[in-house]
Amino acid sequence: MIVDRYIARSIIAGTLGALLVFMALFIFIDFVRQLDHIGTKDFGLTEAIMFVLLGLPKRLYELAPSIILLGGLISMGAMATHSELVVMRSSGITVARIIRSVLQTGLVLAVLVGLMGEFIVPHATSMAKTLRAAAIEDKVLVGGEHGLWARDGNRYFNVKTVMPDMQLRQVRVYELDENRKLKRASSARRAYFEDGHWVLKNVRHSDISETGIKTHSRATELWPNLLKTDLFEVLRLDPQDMSVVSLMQYSDYLEENELDADIYRLAFWVKLFTPLACLVMLLIAMPLVFTSSSRSGGTGQRVIIGLLLGILFFVFNRAINHLGIVYGLMPVLSAAIPLMFVTVITIFLIKRIR
């Protein structure tokens, strides 16, 4: 329908405008923070720019509901100011029909936000941390989709997955001789740090010499040196930066070992509810638009309202999340209460639209 397409274009344009404003703001703030580090070892201007850009998806994802709210207020507010909503209602299009069109567009935006949180944020955040560590601390050689690469003398380590509690998955170690030739390649399915040493499971060694390759395996091995533990402060992803799949797998692992998994369960549910929060925050713009005079206020006023509501929701959401952990509330409830509260208020305000 023509109205659906027109509303969709307006909301998308408004959201893109809000997105560009937040992007410019975050890039400026984060770049200024890195100015003191430029010139430290290999951390130059290029590395600073890359670090800021790689950290941008996390910033935008955290404030995605607020950005979409602001975009909805700007776009629908502009339609109200130009009496387009009045014309639509005069031609027989009901408020419910307009809201349905808004929901359709919001659903698309919510899906995009969910995909960004699942696939872009974890990889970009990991790459940003490894880039900075490699340039400033000389600790990490390569990070990202190929895993972690680190060096200790003539040994090179590759770890496919680094878990938050220093659990390593798919570990490979390459040892070189004095002539820089490969003399041993080792692999382990997983490794973990315990009692001052590394415990490797399902280990396989391949010794390489002029006479050939000899292979032998062991179920368990103790290594005093594998990776320095201070690397994990650099590489560890915070729960909110992990993907939904990783959070679910790691939470299950903690619970199977009778460890506290509440923080990761909470991050899992917050991650699931974030796209829904985007949808609800877009909806809350509707009563604000319809109940105000079509000629009152301008873009500046709507921007201020959007920023205040967005900040309020962000702070309220984080406060309830942390209070839930402190007082032992179920993680799903800690994540759902802010969204349920805003949803109830939104439905109440929408019903008052005339």
Protein backbone atom coordinates (compact mmCIF):
# COMPACT_ATOMS: atom_id res chain seq x y z
CA MET A 1 0.00 0.00 0.00
CA ILE A 2 1.18 3.52 -0.80
CA VAL A 3 0.72 4.72 2.80
CA ASP A 4 2.80 1.80 4.11
CA ARG A 5 5.66 2.60 1.77
CA TYR A 6 5.49 6.31 2.52
CA ILE A 7 5.55 5.79 6.30
CA ALA A 8 8.35 3.22 5.95
CA ARG A 9 10.48 5.63 3.90
CA SER A 10 9.86 8.43 6.42
CA ILE A 11 10.79 6.30 9.46
CA ILE A 12 13.86 4.81 7.79
CA ALA A 13 15.02 8.28 6.72
CA GLY A 14 14.48 9.63 10.24
CA THR A 15 16.29 6.68 11.80
CA LEU A 16 19.23 7.06 9.40
CA GLY A 17 19.42 10.73 10.30
CA ALA A 18 19.48 9.91 14.02
CA LEU A 19 22.01 7.16 13.36
CA LEU A 20 24.38 9.55 11.57
CA VAL A 21 24.16 12.00 14.48
CA PHE A 22 25.03 9.31 17.03
CA MET A 23 27.79 7.92 14.80
CA ALA A 24 29.43 11.34 14.48
CA LEU A 25 29.14 11.89 18.23
CA PHE A 26 30.61 8.51 19.18
CA ILE A 27 33.43 8.74 16.62
CA PHE A 28 34.43 12.17 17.93
CA ILE A 29 34.30 11.17 21.62
CA ASP A 30 36.15 7.87 21.15
CA PHE A 31 38.77 9.42 18.88
CA VAL A 32 39.51 12.15 21.42
CA ARG A 33 39.97 9.42 24.06
CA GLN A 34 42.61 7.74 21.89
CA LEU A 35 44.66 10.89 21.25
CA ASP A 36 46.82 10.27 24.33
CA HIS A 37 47.73 6.80 23.03
CA ILE A 38 48.70 7.85 19.50
CA GLY A 39 52.46 7.48 19.15
CA THR A 40 52.69 4.75 21.79
CA LYS A 41 54.75 1.98 20.15
CA ASP A 42 52.90 0.97 16.96
CA PHE A 43 49.63 2.71 17.81
CA GLY A 44 49.44 5.49 15.24
CA LEU A 45 46.69 7.55 13.64
CA THR A 46 45.57 4.68 11.38
CA GLU A 47 45.32 2.27 14.32
CA ALA A 48 43.37 4.84 16.36
CA ILE A 49 40.86 5.35 13.54
CA MET A 50 40.46 1.59 13.05
CA PHE A 51 39.99 1.05 16.78
CA VAL A 52 37.28 3.73 16.95
CA LEU A 53 35.45 2.38 13.89
CA LEU A 54 35.57 -1.20 15.15
CA GLY A 55 34.12 -0.09 18.49
CA LEU A 56 31.29 1.81 16.80
CA PRO A 57 28.91 -1.17 16.29
CA LYS A 58 28.88 -1.87 20.04
CA ARG A 59 28.04 1.75 20.79
CA LEU A 60 25.22 1.88 18.26
CA TYR A 61 23.80 -1.48 19.34
CA GLU A 62 23.62 -0.47 23.00
CA LEU A 63 21.64 2.66 22.11
CA ALA A 64 19.67 1.17 19.19
CA PRO A 65 16.27 1.52 20.95
CA SER A 66 16.98 5.19 21.68
CA ILE A 67 18.17 5.81 18.11
CA ILE A 68 15.03 4.25 16.64
CA LEU A 69 12.84 6.22 19.07
CA LEU A 70 14.52 9.45 18.01
CA GLY A 71 14.16 8.52 14.33
CA GLY A 72 10.46 7.77 14.81
CA LEU A 73 9.85 11.07 16.60
CA ILE A 74 11.64 13.05 13.91
CA SER A 75 9.92 11.34 10.96
CA MET A 76 6.39 11.05 12.33
CA GLY A 77 6.67 14.46 13.98
CA ALA A 78 7.52 15.99 10.63
CA MET A 79 4.44 14.32 9.12
CA ALA A 80 2.32 15.77 11.93
CA THR A 81 3.81 19.24 11.45
CA HIS A 82 2.96 19.18 7.74
CA SER A 83 -0.58 17.93 8.54
CA GLU A 84 0.05 14.69 6.66
CA LEU A 85 -1.32 12.62 9.53
CA VAL A 86 -4.44 14.78 9.62
CA VAL A 87 -4.96 14.22 5.90
CA MET A 88 -4.50 10.47 6.32
CA ARG A 89 -7.09 10.32 9.10
CA SER A 90 -9.48 12.54 7.14
CA SER A 91 -9.26 10.15 4.19
CA GLY A 92 -10.42 7.25 6.37
CA ILE A 93 -7.10 5.81 7.52
CA THR A 94 -7.43 4.99 11.20
CA VAL A 95 -4.82 5.47 13.90
CA ALA A 96 -4.62 1.67 14.24
CA ARG A 97 -3.83 1.40 10.52
CA ILE A 98 -1.05 3.99 10.78
CA ILE A 99 0.40 2.25 13.82
CA ARG A 100 0.34 -1.06 11.93
CA SER A 101 2.42 0.53 9.17
CA VAL A 102 4.84 1.84 11.79
CA LEU A 103 5.09 -1.65 13.33
CA GLN A 104 5.89 -3.21 9.98
CA THR A 105 8.83 -0.86 9.49
CA GLY A 106 9.86 -1.24 13.12
CA LEU A 107 9.95 -5.01 12.74
CA VAL A 108 12.45 -4.71 9.89
CA LEU A 109 14.63 -2.36 11.93
CA ALA A 110 14.40 -4.67 14.95
CA VAL A 111 15.58 -7.64 12.87
CA LEU A 112 18.54 -5.61 11.58
CA VAL A 113 19.47 -4.64 15.15
CA GLY A 114 19.27 -8.29 16.23
CA LEU A 115 21.53 -9.39 13.39
CA MET A 116 24.03 -6.66 14.22
CA GLY A 117 24.16 -7.76 17.87
CA GLU A 118 24.59 -11.40 16.92
CA PHE A 119 27.13 -11.24 14.10
CA ILE A 120 28.79 -7.81 13.91
CA VAL A 121 29.24 -6.60 17.50
CA PRO A 122 31.14 -9.66 18.89
CA HIS A 123 33.59 -9.82 15.97
CA ALA A 124 34.13 -6.06 15.74
CA THR A 125 34.70 -5.74 19.50
CA SER A 126 37.14 -8.65 19.51
CA MET A 127 39.05 -7.20 16.57
CA ALA A 128 39.21 -3.78 18.24
CA LYS A 129 40.71 -5.25 21.41
CA THR A 130 43.28 -7.36 19.59
CA LEU A 131 44.24 -4.45 17.33
CA ARG A 132 44.90 -2.18 20.29
CA ALA A 133 46.75 -4.89 22.23
CA ALA A 134 48.96 -5.72 19.25
CA ALA A 135 49.87 -2.08 18.66
CA ILE A 136 50.37 -0.91 22.26
CA GLU A 137 51.20 -3.97 24.36
CA ASP A 138 52.93 -6.25 21.82
CA LYS A 139 50.84 -9.14 23.12
CA VAL A 140 48.61 -10.26 20.30
CA LEU A 141 49.63 -10.75 16.68
CA VAL A 142 46.33 -11.41 14.97
CA GLY A 143 42.74 -11.60 16.19
CA GLY A 144 39.28 -11.82 14.68
CA GLU A 145 37.64 -14.56 12.68
CA HIS A 146 40.88 -16.61 12.53
CA GLY A 147 41.13 -16.69 16.31
CA LEU A 148 43.95 -15.49 18.53
CA TRP A 149 47.59 -15.68 17.49
CA ALA A 150 50.32 -15.08 20.09
CA ARG A 151 54.05 -15.70 20.31
CA ASP A 152 56.41 -16.80 23.07
CA GLY A 153 60.00 -17.12 21.82
CA ASN A 154 60.04 -19.78 19.11
CA ARG A 155 56.53 -20.96 19.88
CA TYR A 156 53.42 -19.66 18.15
CA PHE A 157 49.94 -20.22 19.55
CA ASN A 158 46.61 -20.19 17.78
CA VAL A 159 43.35 -20.38 19.72
CA LYS A 160 40.09 -20.52 17.81
CA THR A 161 37.83 -19.53 20.72
CA VAL A 162 38.65 -17.74 23.99
CA MET A 163 35.99 -18.13 26.68
CA PRO A 164 35.57 -15.59 29.52
CA ASP A 165 37.03 -17.81 32.27
CA MET A 166 40.26 -18.57 30.38
CA GLN A 167 38.76 -21.60 28.70
CA LEU A 168 40.41 -22.18 25.31
CA ARG A 169 38.88 -24.15 22.46
CA GLN A 170 40.77 -25.64 19.49
CA VAL A 171 44.35 -24.83 20.54
CA ARG A 172 47.31 -25.20 18.18
CA VAL A 173 50.99 -24.73 19.07
CA TYR A 174 53.80 -24.48 16.51
CA GLU A 175 57.42 -24.78 17.71
CA LEU A 176 60.38 -23.70 15.55
CA ASP A 177 64.03 -24.72 15.84
CA GLU A 178 67.06 -22.42 15.79
CA ASN A 179 66.89 -22.26 11.99
CA ARG A 180 63.26 -21.09 12.11
CA LYS A 181 62.01 -24.41 10.77
CA LEU A 182 58.95 -26.16 12.15
CA LYS A 183 59.98 -28.99 14.48
CA ARG A 184 56.70 -29.73 16.32
CA ALA A 185 53.01 -29.06 15.80
CA SER A 186 50.64 -29.73 18.67
CA SER A 187 46.89 -29.42 19.00
CA ALA A 188 44.37 -29.74 21.83
CA ARG A 189 40.59 -29.75 21.76
CA ARG A 190 40.42 -27.49 24.82
CA ALA A 191 42.59 -26.04 27.58
CA TYR A 192 41.98 -24.36 30.91
CA PHE A 193 44.10 -22.72 33.63
CA GLU A 194 44.13 -24.46 37.00
CA ASP A 195 46.46 -24.38 40.02
CA GLY A 196 49.11 -22.29 38.25
CA HIS A 197 49.38 -24.36 35.06
CA TRP A 198 47.48 -25.13 31.89
CA VAL A 199 45.56 -28.38 31.50
CA LEU A 200 45.26 -29.52 27.88
CA LYS A 201 42.70 -32.12 26.84
CA ASN A 202 42.80 -34.46 23.83
CA VAL A 203 46.35 -33.49 22.88
CA ARG A 204 48.02 -34.56 19.65
CA HIS A 205 51.74 -33.97 18.86
CA SER A 206 53.46 -34.20 15.48
CA ASP A 207 57.29 -34.20 15.71
CA ILE A 208 58.90 -33.20 12.43
CA SER A 209 62.46 -34.21 11.53
CA GLU A 210 64.52 -35.12 8.48
CA THR A 211 63.53 -38.77 8.92
CA GLY A 212 59.81 -38.03 8.83
CA ILE A 213 56.88 -37.16 11.09
CA LYS A 214 56.08 -38.99 14.30
CA THR A 215 52.65 -38.55 15.84
CA HIS A 216 51.45 -39.40 19.34
CA SER A 217 48.42 -38.45 21.43
CA ARG A 218 47.53 -38.02 25.08
CA ALA A 219 44.22 -37.54 26.84
CA THR A 220 45.60 -34.91 29.25
CA GLU A 221 48.78 -32.87 29.56
CA LEU A 222 49.96 -30.22 32.03
CA TRP A 223 51.79 -27.22 30.57
CA PRO A 224 53.40 -24.64 32.87
CA ASN A 225 53.47 -22.14 30.01
CA LEU A 226 50.93 -21.74 27.26
CA LEU A 227 49.51 -18.23 27.18
CA LYS A 228 50.15 -15.46 29.68
CA THR A 229 47.06 -14.94 31.79
CA ASP A 230 47.25 -11.14 31.46
CA LEU A 231 46.28 -11.59 27.81
CA PHE A 232 42.76 -12.42 28.89
CA GLU A 233 42.16 -8.98 30.37
CA VAL A 234 42.74 -7.66 26.86
CA LEU A 235 40.90 -10.31 24.88
CA ARG A 236 37.98 -11.23 27.12
CA LEU A 237 34.61 -10.18 25.78
CA ASP A 238 32.15 -8.78 28.28
CA PRO A 239 28.88 -10.75 28.46
CA GLN A 240 26.95 -7.99 26.67
CA ASP A 241 29.40 -8.20 23.74
CA MET A 242 28.96 -11.93 23.17
CA SER A 243 26.52 -13.43 20.69
CA VAL A 244 23.27 -15.08 21.77
CA VAL A 245 24.60 -18.52 20.79
CA SER A 246 27.85 -18.02 22.73
CA LEU A 247 25.97 -16.77 25.79
CA MET A 248 23.63 -19.75 25.73
CA GLN A 249 26.47 -22.26 25.33
CA TYR A 250 28.61 -20.67 28.03
CA SER A 251 25.68 -20.35 30.46
CA ASP A 252 24.91 -24.05 29.99
CA TYR A 253 28.56 -24.89 30.59
CA LEU A 254 28.62 -22.91 33.86
CA GLU A 255 25.41 -24.48 35.11
CA GLU A 256 26.63 -27.97 34.24
CA ASN A 257 29.68 -27.30 36.42
CA GLU A 258 27.52 -25.82 39.21
CA LEU A 259 28.90 -22.30 38.71
CA ASP A 260 27.04 -18.99 38.83
CA ALA A 261 25.69 -18.20 35.36
CA ASP A 262 23.28 -15.37 36.25
CA ILE A 263 25.32 -12.61 34.60
CA TYR A 264 25.52 -14.54 31.34
CA ARG A 265 21.86 -15.59 31.49
CA LEU A 266 20.92 -11.96 32.01
CA ALA A 267 23.05 -10.88 29.05
CA PHE A 268 21.39 -13.64 26.99
CA TRP A 269 17.86 -12.39 27.74
CA VAL A 270 18.82 -8.73 27.31
CA LYS A 271 20.22 -9.64 23.90
CA LEU A 272 16.99 -11.39 22.95
CA PHE A 273 14.80 -8.53 24.17
CA THR A 274 16.81 -5.70 22.57
CA PRO A 275 15.06 -6.00 19.16
CA LEU A 276 11.69 -5.99 20.96
CA ALA A 277 12.80 -2.91 22.89
CA CYS A 278 13.50 -1.20 19.56
CA LEU A 279 9.96 -1.97 18.43
CA VAL A 280 8.37 -0.72 21.67
CA MET A 281 10.47 2.46 21.71
CA LEU A 282 9.32 3.22 18.17
CA LEU A 283 5.72 2.71 19.24
CA ILE A 284 6.03 5.09 22.18
CA ALA A 285 6.69 7.87 19.68
CA MET A 286 3.15 7.47 18.30
CA PRO A 287 1.13 8.86 21.23
CA LEU A 288 3.65 11.68 21.57
CA VAL A 289 3.03 12.61 17.93
CA PHE A 290 -0.75 12.17 17.83
CA THR A 291 -1.55 13.85 21.15
CA SER A 292 0.49 16.97 20.43
CA SER A 293 -0.77 19.78 18.29
CA SER A 294 0.14 19.29 14.67
CA ARG A 295 1.66 22.73 14.54
CA SER A 296 3.25 22.91 17.97
CA GLY A 297 6.92 22.31 18.52
CA GLY A 298 9.62 21.80 15.97
CA THR A 299 12.33 19.33 15.12
CA GLY A 300 14.53 20.62 17.94
CA GLN A 301 11.86 20.00 20.54
CA ARG A 302 11.20 16.48 19.27
CA VAL A 303 14.94 15.73 19.27
CA ILE A 304 15.22 16.83 22.90
CA ILE A 305 12.19 14.73 23.88
CA GLY A 306 13.61 11.73 22.04
CA LEU A 307 17.03 12.09 23.67
CA LEU A 308 15.55 12.44 27.15
CA LEU A 309 13.26 9.41 26.73
CA GLY A 310 16.05 7.36 25.20
CA ILE A 311 18.48 8.17 28.00
CA LEU A 312 15.79 7.52 30.62
CA PHE A 313 15.02 4.09 29.17
CA PHE A 314 18.72 3.21 28.90
CA VAL A 315 19.40 4.14 32.54
CA PHE A 316 16.20 2.50 33.81
CA ASN A 317 16.95 -0.70 31.88
CA ARG A 318 20.51 -0.96 33.18
CA ALA A 319 19.43 -0.18 36.75
CA ILE A 320 16.78 -2.91 36.80
CA ASN A 321 19.21 -5.39 35.21
CA HIS A 322 21.83 -4.84 37.90
CA LEU A 323 19.34 -4.72 40.76
CA GLY A 324 17.99 -8.06 39.58
CA ILE A 325 21.45 -9.59 39.87
CA VAL A 326 22.00 -8.06 43.33
CA TYR A 327 18.68 -9.28 44.73
CA GLY A 328 18.69 -12.68 43.04
CA LEU A 329 15.85 -12.03 40.60
CA MET A 330 15.50 -14.49 37.73
CA PRO A 331 17.57 -13.18 34.77
CA VAL A 332 14.62 -13.38 32.38
CA LEU A 333 12.59 -11.14 34.72
CA SER A 334 15.46 -8.69 35.18
CA ALA A 335 15.65 -8.32 31.42
CA ALA A 336 11.88 -8.26 30.84
CA ILE A 337 10.65 -5.87 33.56
CA PRO A 338 11.86 -2.61 31.90
CA LEU A 339 10.41 -3.69 28.54
CA MET A 340 7.09 -4.74 30.11
CA PHE A 341 6.87 -1.46 32.02
CA VAL A 342 7.41 0.64 28.89
CA THR A 343 5.02 -1.57 26.88
CA VAL A 344 2.19 -1.07 29.39
CA ILE A 345 2.69 2.70 29.37
CA THR A 346 2.78 2.73 25.57
CA ILE A 347 -0.46 0.74 25.24
CA PHE A 348 -2.15 3.03 27.78
CA LEU A 349 -1.10 6.15 25.89
CA ILE A 350 -2.07 4.71 22.51
CA LYS A 351 -5.58 3.92 23.76
CA ARG A 352 -5.99 7.57 24.73
CA ILE A 353 -5.37 8.75 21.17
CA ARG A 354 -8.50 10.22 19.60
